[in-house]
Every structure is written in structure tokens, then in C-alpha cells.
C-alpha atoms as a PDB file:
ATOM      1  CA  MET A   1     122.237 -75.221-196.270  1.00  0.00           C
ATOM      2  CA  ALA A   2     122.827 -71.584-195.538  1.00  0.00           C
ATOM      3  CA  PHE A   3     126.081 -70.632-197.042  1.00  0.00           C
ATOM      4  CA  GLU A   4     127.493 -67.208-196.269  1.00  0.00           C
ATOM      5  CA  LYS A   5     129.640 -65.489-198.966  1.00  0.00           C
ATOM      6  CA  PHE A   6     133.037 -64.380-197.710  1.00  0.00           C
ATOM      7  CA  THR A   7     133.934 -60.954-199.036  1.00  0.00           C
ATOM      8  CA  GLU A   8     136.216 -59.522-196.400  1.00  0.00           C
ATOM      9  CA  THR A   9     139.647 -58.153-197.540  1.00  0.00           C
ATOM     10  CA  ALA A  10     141.626 -57.499-194.464  1.00  0.00           C
ATOM     11  CA  ARG A  11     145.102 -59.109-194.264  1.00  0.00           C
ATOM     12  CA  SER A  12     144.427 -61.122-191.143  1.00  0.00           C
ATOM     13  CA  TYR A  13     141.603 -61.854-188.753  1.00  0.00           C
ATOM     14  CA  ARG A  14     143.690 -63.526-186.110  1.00  0.00           C
ATOM     15  CA  ALA A  15     144.349 -61.157-183.214  1.00  0.00           C
ATOM     16  CA  LYS A  16     148.159 -60.758-182.932  1.00  0.00           C
ATOM     17  CA  ALA A  17     150.422 -58.490-180.878  1.00  0.00           C
ATOM     18  CA  SER A  18     154.064 -57.762-181.468  1.00  0.00           C
ATOM     19  CA  ILE A  19     156.864 -56.596-179.266  1.00  0.00           C
ATOM     20  CA  ARG A  20     158.931 -54.542-181.676  1.00  0.00           C
ATOM     21  CA  SER A  21     162.572 -53.793-181.652  1.00  0.00           C
ATOM     22  CA  ASN A  22     161.780 -50.046-181.673  1.00  0.00           C
ATOM     23  CA  GLY A  23     160.099 -50.375-178.231  1.00  0.00           C
ATOM     24  CA  THR A  24     156.488 -50.397-179.371  1.00  0.00           C
ATOM     25  CA  VAL A  25     153.723 -52.873-178.755  1.00  0.00           C
ATOM     26  CA  GLY A  26     151.969 -53.466-181.993  1.00  0.00           C
ATOM     27  CA  LEU A  27     148.458 -54.751-182.584  1.00  0.00           C
ATOM     28  CA  ASN A  28     147.472 -56.073-185.999  1.00  0.00           C
ATOM     29  CA  GLY A  29     144.231 -55.261-187.838  1.00  0.00           C
ATOM     30  CA  GLY A  30     142.693 -58.476-186.555  1.00  0.00           C
ATOM     31  CA  ALA A  31     143.263 -57.345-182.966  1.00  0.00           C
ATOM     32  CA  VAL A  32     141.987 -53.856-183.685  1.00  0.00           C
ATOM     33  CA  ASN A  33     138.728 -55.283-185.129  1.00  0.00           C
ATOM     34  CA  LYS A  34     138.259 -58.086-182.661  1.00  0.00           C
ATOM     35  CA  PHE A  35     138.826 -55.914-179.577  1.00  0.00           C
ATOM     36  CA  ASP A  36     137.067 -52.765-180.986  1.00  0.00           C
ATOM     37  CA  LEU A  37     140.190 -50.632-180.579  1.00  0.00           C
ATOM     38  CA  ASP A  38     138.927 -48.074-182.986  1.00  0.00           C
ATOM     39  CA  GLN A  39     136.645 -46.919-180.165  1.00  0.00           C
ATOM     40  CA  TYR A  40     139.588 -46.141-177.827  1.00  0.00           C
ATOM     41  CA  ASP A  41     142.539 -43.654-177.915  1.00  0.00           C
ATOM     42  CA  TRP A  42     144.277 -44.714-174.775  1.00  0.00           C
ATOM     43  CA  ALA A  43     145.432 -47.887-172.960  1.00  0.00           C
ATOM     44  CA  VAL A  44     146.856 -48.809-169.584  1.00  0.00           C
ATOM     45  CA  LEU A  45     149.567 -51.410-169.591  1.00  0.00           C
ATOM     46  CA  PHE A  46     149.987 -54.220-167.044  1.00  0.00           C
ATOM     47  CA  PHE A  47     152.546 -56.988-166.488  1.00  0.00           C
ATOM     48  CA  ASP A  48     152.196 -60.324-164.754  1.00  0.00           C
ATOM     49  CA  LYS A  49     155.771 -61.384-163.909  1.00  0.00           C
ATOM     50  CA  GLU A  50     154.737 -64.876-162.664  1.00  0.00           C
ATOM     51  CA  HIS A  51     153.080 -65.862-165.936  1.00  0.00           C
ATOM     52  CA  ASN A  52     154.933 -63.518-168.463  1.00  0.00           C
ATOM     53  CA  LEU A  53     151.735 -61.787-169.501  1.00  0.00           C
ATOM     54  CA  ILE A  54     151.243 -58.316-170.836  1.00  0.00           C
ATOM     55  CA  GLY A  55     147.827 -56.759-170.242  1.00  0.00           C
ATOM     56  CA  ILE A  56     146.535 -53.909-172.440  1.00  0.00           C
ATOM     57  CA  LYS A  57     143.427 -52.279-171.012  1.00  0.00           C
ATOM     58  CA  PRO A  58     141.755 -49.892-173.446  1.00  0.00           C
ATOM     59  CA  THR A  59     140.304 -46.693-171.952  1.00  0.00           C
ATOM     60  CA  LYS A  60     138.589 -43.610-173.249  1.00  0.00           C
ATOM     61  CA  ASN A  61     139.920 -41.483-170.349  1.00  0.00           C
ATOM     62  CA  GLU A  62     143.421 -40.127-170.976  1.00  0.00           C
ATOM     63  CA  LYS A  63     143.536 -39.062-167.275  1.00  0.00           C
ATOM     64  CA  ASP A  64     143.615 -42.647-165.997  1.00  0.00           C
ATOM     65  CA  GLU A  65     146.904 -43.209-164.243  1.00  0.00           C
ATOM     66  CA  GLY A  66     149.556 -44.673-166.589  1.00  0.00           C
ATOM     67  CA  THR A  67     147.737 -44.131-169.909  1.00  0.00           C
ATOM     68  CA  HIS A  68     149.547 -44.641-173.164  1.00  0.00           C
ATOM     69  CA  LYS A  69     148.298 -43.296-176.519  1.00  0.00           C
ATOM     70  CA  ILE A  70     146.976 -45.892-178.953  1.00  0.00           C
ATOM     71  CA  ASN A  71     148.307 -44.828-182.331  1.00  0.00           C
ATOM     72  CA  LYS A  72     146.304 -46.137-185.288  1.00  0.00           C
ATOM     73  CA  GLY A  73     147.373 -46.768-188.884  1.00  0.00           C
ATOM     74  CA  LYS A  74     145.912 -48.496-191.958  1.00  0.00           C
ATOM     75  CA  THR A  75     146.973 -51.998-190.929  1.00  0.00           C
ATOM     76  CA  GLY A  76     146.768 -51.885-187.117  1.00  0.00           C
ATOM     77  CA  ALA A  77     147.695 -49.916-183.989  1.00  0.00           C
ATOM     78  CA  TRP A  78     150.752 -49.458-181.776  1.00  0.00           C
ATOM     79  CA  ILE A  79     151.635 -48.134-178.339  1.00  0.00           C
ATOM     80  CA  ALA A  80     154.934 -46.493-177.463  1.00  0.00           C
ATOM     81  CA  ALA A  81     156.098 -48.655-174.599  1.00  0.00           C
ATOM     82  CA  ARG A  82     159.836 -48.472-174.357  1.00  0.00           C
ATOM     83  CA  ARG A  83     159.859 -47.490-170.626  1.00  0.00           C
ATOM     84  CA  PHE A  84     157.342 -50.234-169.815  1.00  0.00           C
ATOM     85  CA  LEU A  85     159.300 -52.884-171.724  1.00  0.00           C
ATOM     86  CA  ASP A  86     162.646 -51.751-170.182  1.00  0.00           C
ATOM     87  CA  TYR A  87     161.148 -51.688-166.660  1.00  0.00           C
ATOM     88  CA  TYR A  88     159.927 -55.253-166.859  1.00  0.00           C
ATOM     89  CA  GLU A  89     163.023 -56.342-168.839  1.00  0.00           C
ATOM     90  CA  VAL A  90     161.031 -57.549-171.865  1.00  0.00           C
ATOM     91  CA  GLY A  91     163.525 -58.152-174.648  1.00  0.00           C
ATOM     92  CA  THR A  92     163.237 -55.983-177.702  1.00  0.00           C
ATOM     93  CA  ALA A  93     166.350 -56.891-179.656  1.00  0.00           C
ATOM     94  CA  LYS A  94     164.279 -58.579-182.264  1.00  0.00           C
ATOM     95  CA  THR A  95     160.614 -58.090-183.137  1.00  0.00           C
ATOM     96  CA  LYS A  96     158.443 -60.983-181.929  1.00  0.00           C
ATOM     97  CA  ARG A  97     154.759 -61.779-182.576  1.00  0.00           C
ATOM     98  CA  PHE A  98     152.338 -63.399-180.172  1.00  0.00           C
ATOM     99  CA  ASP A  99     148.639 -64.346-180.064  1.00  0.00           C
ATOM    100  CA  ALA A 100     146.377 -61.800-178.298  1.00  0.00           C
ATOM    101  CA  THR A 101     143.264 -62.781-176.444  1.00  0.00           C
ATOM    102  CA  TRP A 102     140.547 -60.958-174.547  1.00  0.00           C
ATOM    103  CA  ASP A 103     140.033 -61.430-170.765  1.00  0.00           C
ATOM    104  CA  ASP A 104     136.379 -60.655-170.032  1.00  0.00           C
ATOM    105  CA  LYS A 105     136.966 -60.543-166.209  1.00  0.00           C
ATOM    106  CA  GLU A 106     139.754 -57.974-166.434  1.00  0.00           C
ATOM    107  CA  LYS A 107     138.415 -56.217-169.501  1.00  0.00           C
ATOM    108  CA  MET A 108     141.787 -56.271-171.230  1.00  0.00           C
ATOM    109  CA  ILE A 109     143.795 -57.789-173.993  1.00  0.00           C
ATOM    110  CA  ILE A 110     146.188 -60.499-172.798  1.00  0.00           C
ATOM    111  CA  VAL A 111     149.505 -61.302-174.531  1.00  0.00           C
ATOM    112  CA  GLN A 112     151.480 -64.349-173.385  1.00  0.00           C
ATOM    113  CA  ILE A 113     155.123 -63.502-174.148  1.00  0.00           C
ATOM    114  CA  ALA A 114     156.899 -66.634-173.017  1.00  0.00           C
END
């Protein structure tokens, strides 16, 4: 047997996104680590109305059309997205959390919100 000692201390390793009541899209530490978001300062947001999906495409180029700053903290990251959420009528009355996955084809984080 080849046991591996677990010594990690992060709060969570599951990639989660939240739509917060303050109009931000939050990404927990698990998402930051899993999707290497520490390497990026910007993201472009997408919405799939048919499937209720939010797409978050990290980019290093702030000049890409529609970029939003990825703000980073000790426990995760967040994107100010009030206009995006309002435009697509994504409810923000109460903070909600969702699983976040990576789409290799589109090279973006996918959040199923319904």
C-alpha cells in the first residue's frame, strides 16, 4: 500500500461559486485553486439563457471586450457583476451557492444556477 499523508489546511476543496446579494459572483478557495485563478486578474462573463449557465472565462488581457476584475482575498475571489446579473435577471435578493466546473472546450468555469 502507498498511503499519502493529508496535510492540507484549506477550508474547502470543492469548487463553489456564489451569486451574492451585493451583486458579486464569488468563487471559494477550492475554485481558485482548482481553476488556477491566482494566475489571472481578469475574466469575461457569459450567460446561457436556455440552460441557466453562467460562464466565467479567465483572461490575462484586461483589454479583452467585457473584462471584469477578479478581486482576490484570503479565502477566495469575487467579481463585481451587478450589471451582468441585472441584465440577465439573475436574482440576487439572497446569496446562493452553486457547484462550479471547468469546461475544457470553452476554457471557462461553468456555474449551473437553476
